[in-house]
N, C-alpha and C. Protein backbone atom coordinates (compact mmCIF):
# COMPACT_ATOMS: atom_id res chain seq x y z
N MET A 1 111.44 130.84 118.42
CA MET A 1 110.57 129.87 117.79
C MET A 1 109.49 130.59 116.99
N MET A 2 109.08 129.95 115.91
CA MET A 2 108.05 130.56 115.06
C MET A 2 106.69 130.38 115.71
N SER A 3 105.95 131.47 115.85
CA SER A 3 104.63 131.41 116.49
C SER A 3 103.56 131.08 115.46
N ASP A 4 102.38 130.70 115.97
CA ASP A 4 101.25 130.37 115.09
C ASP A 4 100.88 131.52 114.17
N SER A 5 101.04 132.75 114.63
CA SER A 5 100.62 133.91 113.84
C SER A 5 101.48 134.12 112.60
N LYS A 6 102.65 133.49 112.52
CA LYS A 6 103.55 133.68 111.37
C LYS A 6 103.41 132.59 110.33
N TRP A 7 102.36 131.78 110.38
CA TRP A 7 102.22 130.67 109.46
C TRP A 7 101.46 131.01 108.20
N LYS A 8 101.26 132.27 107.90
CA LYS A 8 100.65 132.65 106.63
C LYS A 8 101.75 132.65 105.57
N PRO A 9 101.44 132.16 104.35
CA PRO A 9 102.49 132.14 103.32
C PRO A 9 103.15 133.50 103.12
N GLU A 10 102.37 134.57 103.25
CA GLU A 10 102.98 135.89 103.07
C GLU A 10 103.96 136.23 104.19
N GLU A 11 103.86 135.54 105.33
CA GLU A 11 104.79 135.75 106.44
C GLU A 11 105.97 134.78 106.37
N VAL A 12 105.67 133.50 106.19
CA VAL A 12 106.71 132.49 106.21
C VAL A 12 107.40 132.35 104.84
N GLY A 13 106.68 132.64 103.76
CA GLY A 13 107.24 132.52 102.42
C GLY A 13 108.55 133.25 102.23
N PRO A 14 108.63 134.54 102.58
CA PRO A 14 109.91 135.24 102.43
C PRO A 14 111.03 134.65 103.28
N ARG A 15 110.70 134.14 104.45
CA ARG A 15 111.72 133.53 105.30
C ARG A 15 112.25 132.24 104.66
N ILE A 16 111.34 131.46 104.06
CA ILE A 16 111.75 130.24 103.37
C ILE A 16 112.63 130.61 102.18
N GLU A 17 112.19 131.59 101.39
CA GLU A 17 112.98 132.02 100.23
C GLU A 17 114.35 132.53 100.64
N ASN A 18 114.41 133.36 101.67
CA ASN A 18 115.70 133.90 102.13
C ASN A 18 116.65 132.81 102.60
N PHE A 19 116.11 131.73 103.08
CA PHE A 19 116.96 130.61 103.50
C PHE A 19 117.33 129.72 102.32
N LEU A 20 116.34 129.32 101.51
CA LEU A 20 116.58 128.33 100.46
C LEU A 20 117.39 128.84 99.27
N ARG A 21 117.16 130.09 98.85
CA ARG A 21 117.87 130.59 97.65
C ARG A 21 119.38 130.44 97.78
N PRO A 22 120.01 130.93 98.86
CA PRO A 22 121.46 130.76 98.94
C PRO A 22 121.89 129.29 99.12
N VAL A 23 121.08 128.50 99.80
CA VAL A 23 121.41 127.08 99.97
C VAL A 23 121.44 126.39 98.61
N LEU A 24 120.41 126.60 97.80
CA LEU A 24 120.36 125.98 96.48
C LEU A 24 121.45 126.51 95.56
N ALA A 25 121.74 127.81 95.65
CA ALA A 25 122.81 128.40 94.83
C ALA A 25 124.17 127.82 95.22
N GLN A 26 124.42 127.72 96.52
CA GLN A 26 125.69 127.18 97.00
C GLN A 26 125.85 125.71 96.58
N ALA A 27 124.75 124.98 96.58
CA ALA A 27 124.78 123.57 96.19
C ALA A 27 124.80 123.41 94.67
N ARG A 28 124.65 124.52 93.95
CA ARG A 28 124.62 124.52 92.48
C ARG A 28 123.54 123.58 91.93
N LEU A 29 122.38 123.62 92.59
CA LEU A 29 121.25 122.83 92.12
C LEU A 29 120.38 123.68 91.22
N ASP A 30 120.03 123.13 90.06
CA ASP A 30 119.16 123.83 89.12
C ASP A 30 117.71 123.55 89.52
N LEU A 31 117.25 124.32 90.51
CA LEU A 31 115.91 124.15 91.05
C LEU A 31 115.25 125.50 91.26
N GLU A 32 113.96 125.53 91.02
CA GLU A 32 113.12 126.67 91.38
C GLU A 32 112.11 126.16 92.38
N PHE A 33 111.53 127.07 93.14
CA PHE A 33 110.50 126.63 94.07
C PHE A 33 109.43 127.70 94.19
N HIS A 34 108.25 127.24 94.57
CA HIS A 34 107.10 128.12 94.75
C HIS A 34 106.50 127.81 96.11
N VAL A 35 106.29 128.86 96.91
CA VAL A 35 105.68 128.72 98.23
C VAL A 35 104.19 129.01 98.09
N ALA A 36 103.35 128.08 98.56
CA ALA A 36 101.90 128.24 98.43
C ALA A 36 101.20 127.95 99.75
N ASN A 37 100.00 128.46 99.85
CA ASN A 37 99.16 128.22 101.01
C ASN A 37 98.49 126.86 100.86
N GLY A 38 98.49 126.05 101.92
CA GLY A 38 97.79 124.77 101.90
C GLY A 38 98.52 123.72 101.09
N SER A 39 97.75 122.71 100.67
CA SER A 39 98.34 121.58 99.96
C SER A 39 97.27 120.84 99.16
N PRO A 40 97.68 120.22 98.04
CA PRO A 40 96.74 119.38 97.29
C PRO A 40 96.60 117.98 97.89
N MET A 41 97.24 117.75 99.03
CA MET A 41 97.24 116.42 99.65
C MET A 41 95.85 116.06 100.18
N ASP A 42 95.64 114.77 100.40
CA ASP A 42 94.42 114.28 101.03
C ASP A 42 94.39 114.80 102.46
N PRO A 43 93.39 115.61 102.83
CA PRO A 43 93.37 116.20 104.17
C PRO A 43 93.25 115.17 105.29
N ALA A 44 92.89 113.93 104.97
CA ALA A 44 92.85 112.90 106.01
C ALA A 44 94.25 112.49 106.44
N PHE A 45 95.26 112.84 105.62
CA PHE A 45 96.63 112.42 105.93
C PHE A 45 97.59 113.59 106.12
N GLU A 46 97.50 114.59 105.29
CA GLU A 46 98.43 115.71 105.35
C GLU A 46 97.65 117.01 105.24
N THR A 47 97.87 117.92 106.17
CA THR A 47 97.20 119.22 106.12
C THR A 47 98.18 120.35 106.41
N PRO A 48 99.23 120.48 105.60
CA PRO A 48 100.17 121.56 105.86
C PRO A 48 99.56 122.92 105.56
N ASP A 49 100.01 123.92 106.30
CA ASP A 49 99.58 125.29 106.06
C ASP A 49 100.35 125.89 104.89
N VAL A 50 101.60 125.44 104.72
CA VAL A 50 102.48 125.98 103.68
C VAL A 50 103.14 124.82 102.94
N THR A 51 103.09 124.89 101.60
CA THR A 51 103.74 123.88 100.76
C THR A 51 104.79 124.57 99.90
N VAL A 52 105.95 123.94 99.78
CA VAL A 52 107.01 124.43 98.90
C VAL A 52 107.16 123.39 97.79
N GLU A 53 106.86 123.80 96.57
CA GLU A 53 106.90 122.90 95.41
C GLU A 53 108.15 123.21 94.58
N PHE A 54 108.98 122.18 94.35
CA PHE A 54 110.21 122.34 93.59
C PHE A 54 110.02 121.89 92.16
N THR A 55 110.66 122.61 91.23
CA THR A 55 110.72 122.23 89.82
C THR A 55 112.14 122.50 89.34
N GLY A 56 112.48 121.95 88.18
CA GLY A 56 113.79 122.21 87.60
C GLY A 56 114.50 120.94 87.19
N ARG A 57 115.64 121.13 86.53
CA ARG A 57 116.38 119.99 85.99
C ARG A 57 116.88 119.04 87.07
N ASP A 58 117.14 119.54 88.27
CA ASP A 58 117.71 118.70 89.32
C ASP A 58 116.68 118.10 90.28
N VAL A 59 115.41 118.11 89.87
CA VAL A 59 114.37 117.51 90.73
C VAL A 59 114.68 116.04 90.99
N ASP A 60 115.23 115.33 90.00
CA ASP A 60 115.54 113.91 90.19
C ASP A 60 116.50 113.71 91.36
N LEU A 61 117.42 114.65 91.56
CA LEU A 61 118.34 114.54 92.70
C LEU A 61 117.58 114.65 94.02
N LEU A 62 116.58 115.53 94.06
CA LEU A 62 115.77 115.67 95.27
C LEU A 62 115.02 114.39 95.60
N LEU A 63 114.59 113.68 94.56
CA LEU A 63 113.72 112.52 94.75
C LEU A 63 114.46 111.19 94.83
N ALA A 64 115.77 111.19 94.55
CA ALA A 64 116.54 109.96 94.62
C ALA A 64 116.52 109.41 96.05
N ASN A 65 116.68 108.11 96.17
CA ASN A 65 116.71 107.44 97.48
C ASN A 65 115.51 107.79 98.34
N LYS A 66 114.33 107.58 97.77
CA LYS A 66 113.06 107.83 98.48
C LYS A 66 112.93 109.27 98.97
N GLY A 67 113.39 110.20 98.14
CA GLY A 67 113.22 111.62 98.47
C GLY A 67 114.11 112.10 99.59
N GLU A 68 115.24 111.44 99.77
CA GLU A 68 116.13 111.75 100.89
C GLU A 68 116.57 113.21 100.92
N LEU A 69 116.99 113.76 99.78
CA LEU A 69 117.44 115.15 99.75
C LEU A 69 116.26 116.11 99.96
N LEU A 70 115.11 115.80 99.40
CA LEU A 70 113.91 116.61 99.60
C LEU A 70 113.57 116.69 101.08
N LEU A 71 113.57 115.54 101.75
CA LEU A 71 113.26 115.49 103.18
C LEU A 71 114.33 116.19 104.01
N ALA A 72 115.59 116.05 103.59
CA ALA A 72 116.67 116.73 104.31
C ALA A 72 116.55 118.25 104.18
N LEU A 73 116.24 118.73 102.97
CA LEU A 73 116.04 120.17 102.78
C LEU A 73 114.88 120.68 103.63
N GLU A 74 113.81 119.92 103.68
CA GLU A 74 112.67 120.29 104.51
C GLU A 74 113.08 120.37 105.97
N HIS A 75 113.82 119.37 106.44
CA HIS A 75 114.24 119.33 107.84
C HIS A 75 115.17 120.51 108.17
N VAL A 76 116.14 120.75 107.32
CA VAL A 76 117.08 121.86 107.56
C VAL A 76 116.34 123.19 107.56
N THR A 77 115.38 123.34 106.68
CA THR A 77 114.59 124.58 106.63
C THR A 77 113.78 124.75 107.91
N LEU A 78 113.16 123.68 108.37
CA LEU A 78 112.40 123.74 109.63
C LEU A 78 113.30 124.15 110.79
N GLU A 79 114.50 123.60 110.81
CA GLU A 79 115.45 123.95 111.88
C GLU A 79 115.90 125.41 111.74
N ALA A 80 116.21 125.83 110.52
CA ALA A 80 116.66 127.21 110.30
C ALA A 80 115.58 128.22 110.67
N LEU A 81 114.32 127.88 110.41
CA LEU A 81 113.21 128.76 110.77
C LEU A 81 112.81 128.63 112.23
N ARG A 82 113.47 127.70 112.92
CA ARG A 82 113.22 127.45 114.35
C ARG A 82 111.77 127.07 114.62
N VAL A 83 111.27 126.16 113.80
CA VAL A 83 109.90 125.66 113.96
C VAL A 83 109.92 124.56 115.03
N ARG A 84 109.00 124.67 115.97
CA ARG A 84 108.91 123.66 117.03
C ARG A 84 108.55 122.31 116.43
N PRO A 85 109.13 121.21 116.95
CA PRO A 85 108.87 119.88 116.38
C PRO A 85 107.39 119.53 116.25
N GLU A 86 106.57 119.92 117.20
CA GLU A 86 105.15 119.59 117.13
C GLU A 86 104.44 120.34 116.00
N GLN A 87 105.11 121.31 115.37
CA GLN A 87 104.52 122.05 114.26
C GLN A 87 105.16 121.72 112.91
N HIS A 88 106.04 120.73 112.87
CA HIS A 88 106.72 120.38 111.62
C HIS A 88 105.76 120.00 110.51
N SER A 89 104.61 119.44 110.86
CA SER A 89 103.66 119.02 109.82
C SER A 89 102.99 120.21 109.13
N ARG A 90 103.25 121.43 109.61
CA ARG A 90 102.64 122.61 109.01
C ARG A 90 103.35 123.04 107.72
N LEU A 91 104.53 122.49 107.47
CA LEU A 91 105.32 122.82 106.28
C LEU A 91 105.59 121.53 105.52
N LEU A 92 105.38 121.56 104.21
CA LEU A 92 105.59 120.37 103.38
C LEU A 92 106.38 120.75 102.13
N PHE A 93 107.47 120.04 101.87
CA PHE A 93 108.22 120.20 100.63
C PHE A 93 107.79 119.08 99.69
N ASP A 94 107.64 119.41 98.40
CA ASP A 94 107.24 118.39 97.43
C ASP A 94 107.85 118.70 96.07
N ALA A 95 107.90 117.68 95.23
CA ALA A 95 108.35 117.81 93.84
C ALA A 95 107.69 116.70 93.05
N GLU A 96 107.12 117.07 91.91
CA GLU A 96 106.47 116.11 91.01
C GLU A 96 105.47 115.21 91.75
N ASP A 97 104.75 115.76 92.70
CA ASP A 97 103.73 115.03 93.48
C ASP A 97 104.29 113.83 94.22
N TYR A 98 105.60 113.84 94.50
CA TYR A 98 106.22 112.72 95.21
C TYR A 98 105.53 112.43 96.53
N ARG A 99 105.27 113.48 97.32
CA ARG A 99 104.70 113.26 98.65
C ARG A 99 103.28 112.70 98.56
N MET A 100 102.50 113.20 97.60
CA MET A 100 101.13 112.70 97.43
C MET A 100 101.17 111.21 97.02
N LEU A 101 102.07 110.87 96.12
CA LEU A 101 102.21 109.47 95.70
C LEU A 101 102.71 108.60 96.84
N ARG A 102 103.60 109.15 97.66
CA ARG A 102 104.12 108.40 98.82
C ARG A 102 103.01 108.13 99.83
N VAL A 103 102.14 109.11 100.06
CA VAL A 103 101.00 108.91 100.97
C VAL A 103 100.14 107.76 100.46
N GLU A 104 99.86 107.74 99.18
CA GLU A 104 99.04 106.67 98.60
C GLU A 104 99.74 105.32 98.74
N GLU A 105 101.05 105.30 98.49
CA GLU A 105 101.82 104.07 98.63
C GLU A 105 101.77 103.56 100.08
N LEU A 106 101.95 104.45 101.04
CA LEU A 106 101.90 104.06 102.45
C LEU A 106 100.51 103.58 102.85
N ARG A 107 99.49 104.25 102.36
CA ARG A 107 98.11 103.86 102.67
C ARG A 107 97.83 102.44 102.15
N LEU A 108 98.22 102.19 100.91
CA LEU A 108 98.01 100.85 100.34
C LEU A 108 98.84 99.79 101.07
N SER A 109 100.07 100.13 101.43
CA SER A 109 100.91 99.19 102.19
C SER A 109 100.28 98.88 103.54
N ALA A 110 99.73 99.91 104.20
CA ALA A 110 99.08 99.71 105.50
C ALA A 110 97.88 98.78 105.36
N GLU A 111 97.07 99.01 104.34
CA GLU A 111 95.88 98.17 104.14
C GLU A 111 96.26 96.73 103.81
N THR A 112 97.28 96.55 102.98
CA THR A 112 97.74 95.21 102.62
C THR A 112 98.29 94.49 103.85
N ALA A 113 99.11 95.19 104.63
CA ALA A 113 99.67 94.58 105.85
C ALA A 113 98.57 94.25 106.86
N ALA A 114 97.58 95.12 106.98
CA ALA A 114 96.47 94.87 107.91
C ALA A 114 95.71 93.61 107.51
N GLU A 115 95.48 93.44 106.21
CA GLU A 115 94.79 92.23 105.74
C GLU A 115 95.60 90.98 106.08
N LYS A 116 96.92 91.07 105.93
CA LYS A 116 97.79 89.93 106.26
C LYS A 116 97.72 89.63 107.76
N VAL A 117 97.72 90.66 108.59
CA VAL A 117 97.64 90.48 110.04
C VAL A 117 96.31 89.83 110.41
N LYS A 118 95.23 90.28 109.80
CA LYS A 118 93.90 89.69 110.07
C LYS A 118 93.85 88.22 109.65
N ARG A 119 94.48 87.91 108.54
CA ARG A 119 94.45 86.55 108.00
C ARG A 119 95.33 85.60 108.82
N THR A 120 96.50 86.08 109.27
CA THR A 120 97.47 85.20 109.93
C THR A 120 97.49 85.33 111.45
N GLY A 121 97.05 86.48 111.97
CA GLY A 121 97.14 86.73 113.41
C GLY A 121 98.54 87.09 113.86
N ILE A 122 99.45 87.27 112.92
CA ILE A 122 100.84 87.59 113.24
C ILE A 122 101.08 89.09 113.03
N PRO A 123 101.66 89.78 114.03
CA PRO A 123 101.93 91.21 113.86
C PRO A 123 102.86 91.47 112.67
N PHE A 124 102.70 92.64 112.07
CA PHE A 124 103.51 93.04 110.92
C PHE A 124 104.31 94.28 111.30
N LYS A 125 105.64 94.23 111.06
CA LYS A 125 106.51 95.38 111.35
C LYS A 125 106.94 96.03 110.04
N PHE A 126 106.71 97.33 109.94
CA PHE A 126 107.21 98.09 108.80
C PHE A 126 108.68 98.42 109.04
N ASN A 127 109.39 98.72 107.97
CA ASN A 127 110.75 99.22 108.11
C ASN A 127 110.70 100.56 108.82
N PRO A 128 111.80 100.96 109.46
CA PRO A 128 111.82 102.28 110.11
C PRO A 128 111.46 103.38 109.12
N MET A 129 110.75 104.39 109.62
CA MET A 129 110.35 105.51 108.78
C MET A 129 110.22 106.76 109.63
N SER A 130 110.08 107.89 108.97
CA SER A 130 109.96 109.18 109.65
C SER A 130 108.66 109.26 110.43
N SER A 131 108.60 110.18 111.35
CA SER A 131 107.37 110.36 112.15
C SER A 131 106.19 110.71 111.25
N ARG A 132 106.43 111.50 110.22
CA ARG A 132 105.35 111.87 109.30
C ARG A 132 104.80 110.64 108.58
N GLU A 133 105.67 109.75 108.14
CA GLU A 133 105.22 108.55 107.45
C GLU A 133 104.57 107.57 108.41
N ARG A 134 105.09 107.46 109.63
CA ARG A 134 104.44 106.59 110.63
C ARG A 134 103.02 107.08 110.90
N ARG A 135 102.86 108.38 110.99
CA ARG A 135 101.54 108.97 111.23
C ARG A 135 100.56 108.57 110.12
N ILE A 136 101.04 108.55 108.88
CA ILE A 136 100.18 108.18 107.75
C ILE A 136 99.70 106.73 107.90
N ILE A 137 100.58 105.83 108.33
CA ILE A 137 100.19 104.43 108.55
C ILE A 137 99.11 104.36 109.63
N HIS A 138 99.36 105.05 110.75
CA HIS A 138 98.37 105.05 111.85
C HIS A 138 97.02 105.59 111.36
N LEU A 139 97.03 106.69 110.63
CA LEU A 139 95.78 107.28 110.14
C LEU A 139 95.07 106.39 109.13
N ALA A 140 95.84 105.70 108.31
CA ALA A 140 95.24 104.83 107.29
C ALA A 140 94.43 103.70 107.92
N LEU A 141 94.82 103.28 109.12
CA LEU A 141 94.17 102.13 109.76
C LEU A 141 93.33 102.51 110.97
N ARG A 142 93.16 103.77 111.22
CA ARG A 142 92.47 104.21 112.45
C ARG A 142 91.03 103.73 112.55
N HIS A 143 90.37 103.45 111.44
CA HIS A 143 88.97 103.02 111.48
C HIS A 143 88.81 101.50 111.36
N ASP A 144 89.92 100.80 111.21
CA ASP A 144 89.88 99.33 111.09
C ASP A 144 89.88 98.74 112.50
N THR A 145 88.73 98.26 112.94
CA THR A 145 88.59 97.77 114.32
C THR A 145 89.21 96.39 114.53
N ASP A 146 89.65 95.74 113.47
CA ASP A 146 90.25 94.41 113.60
C ASP A 146 91.75 94.44 113.87
N VAL A 147 92.36 95.62 113.71
CA VAL A 147 93.80 95.76 113.97
C VAL A 147 94.04 97.03 114.78
N ARG A 148 95.23 97.08 115.37
CA ARG A 148 95.66 98.31 116.03
C ARG A 148 97.13 98.54 115.67
N THR A 149 97.53 99.79 115.70
CA THR A 149 98.90 100.13 115.33
C THR A 149 99.60 100.76 116.51
N GLU A 150 100.91 100.58 116.54
CA GLU A 150 101.72 101.29 117.53
C GLU A 150 103.11 101.49 116.94
N SER A 151 103.78 102.53 117.41
CA SER A 151 105.15 102.77 117.00
C SER A 151 106.07 102.19 118.07
N GLU A 152 107.14 101.56 117.62
CA GLU A 152 108.11 100.95 118.53
C GLU A 152 109.50 101.43 118.17
N GLY A 153 110.37 101.42 119.17
CA GLY A 153 111.77 101.75 118.95
C GLY A 153 112.04 103.23 119.11
N LEU A 154 113.29 103.58 118.86
CA LEU A 154 113.74 104.95 118.98
C LEU A 154 114.19 105.46 117.62
N ALA A 155 113.97 106.75 117.38
CA ALA A 155 114.41 107.35 116.11
C ALA A 155 115.92 107.19 116.01
N PRO A 156 116.47 106.94 114.87
CA PRO A 156 115.85 106.89 113.55
C PRO A 156 115.35 105.48 113.17
N ARG A 157 115.36 104.56 114.11
CA ARG A 157 114.95 103.18 113.83
C ARG A 157 113.50 102.91 114.24
N ARG A 158 112.72 103.95 114.53
CA ARG A 158 111.34 103.80 114.98
C ARG A 158 110.48 103.27 113.84
N GLN A 159 109.61 102.31 114.16
CA GLN A 159 108.80 101.67 113.13
C GLN A 159 107.38 101.43 113.63
N VAL A 160 106.47 101.27 112.69
CA VAL A 160 105.08 100.97 113.01
C VAL A 160 104.91 99.45 113.02
N VAL A 161 104.16 98.98 114.01
CA VAL A 161 103.79 97.56 114.08
C VAL A 161 102.27 97.48 114.07
N ILE A 162 101.74 96.62 113.22
CA ILE A 162 100.29 96.37 113.17
C ILE A 162 100.03 95.07 113.91
N HIS A 163 99.13 95.12 114.88
CA HIS A 163 98.77 93.95 115.68
C HIS A 163 97.30 93.61 115.45
N PRO A 164 96.93 92.33 115.63
CA PRO A 164 95.50 92.02 115.69
C PRO A 164 94.91 92.80 116.87
N ALA A 165 93.72 93.32 116.73
CA ALA A 165 93.12 94.18 117.76
C ALA A 165 93.01 93.49 119.11
N ASN A 166 92.78 92.19 119.11
CA ASN A 166 92.57 91.48 120.36
C ASN A 166 93.86 90.95 120.98
N GLN A 167 95.00 91.19 120.35
CA GLN A 167 96.27 90.67 120.85
C GLN A 167 96.89 91.66 121.83
N VAL A 168 97.25 91.17 123.01
CA VAL A 168 97.87 92.01 124.02
C VAL A 168 99.37 92.05 123.75
N THR A 169 99.93 93.25 123.77
CA THR A 169 101.36 93.42 123.55
C THR A 169 102.08 93.30 124.87
N GLN A 170 103.15 92.51 124.87
CA GLN A 170 103.96 92.37 126.07
C GLN A 170 104.89 93.57 126.18
N PRO A 171 105.05 94.13 127.39
CA PRO A 171 106.01 95.23 127.53
C PRO A 171 107.42 94.72 127.25
N PRO A 172 108.33 95.62 126.82
CA PRO A 172 109.70 95.19 126.54
C PRO A 172 110.32 94.56 127.78
N LYS A 173 111.09 93.48 127.57
CA LYS A 173 111.75 92.80 128.68
C LYS A 173 112.88 93.67 129.20
N LYS A 174 112.99 93.72 130.51
CA LYS A 174 114.10 94.44 131.14
C LYS A 174 115.24 93.44 131.29
N PHE A 175 116.43 93.89 131.03
CA PHE A 175 117.59 93.03 131.18
C PHE A 175 118.04 93.06 132.64
N ALA A 176 118.30 91.90 133.18
CA ALA A 176 118.76 91.82 134.57
C ALA A 176 120.18 92.32 134.64
N SER A 177 120.46 93.13 135.65
CA SER A 177 121.83 93.62 135.81
C SER A 177 122.63 92.57 136.55
N ARG A 178 123.88 92.49 136.23
CA ARG A 178 124.74 91.48 136.85
C ARG A 178 125.63 92.10 137.86
């Protein structure tokens, strides 16, 4: 497993390059990437130690389907580098500011949903999303005392639910065995 001491770009950068270059070449993707320290992201939501920024003709492929290939490359790289799950947020892959724009989109969606919950008193369920995106929803509403958030379900179907702050959530019903 990768230790905390190896999270400097000069330490992890070559490992990322050694992994990604042959993967991108084998996939015949016209992409370049740059490994940098930190991130231009809003530190209230994302604070990676290392950011990998992609450019090139095939960036659109990375960003298709809500950045599915970008996220998959990030995940495979984390696994190849043997990064512990609790440290996955220390590495961020991005292209054309997609992740920064996605954070803003999630923040606005969270605020809009919270307003609806306050107005109607009815909980709001987001579609299933990654743990990183669920975290952004939770952080966006952490100071709103009129609502509370919780994650429900199991991955990959785990989703955020926004409840009125004063509403008690019932525990999941147990099915009686026959």
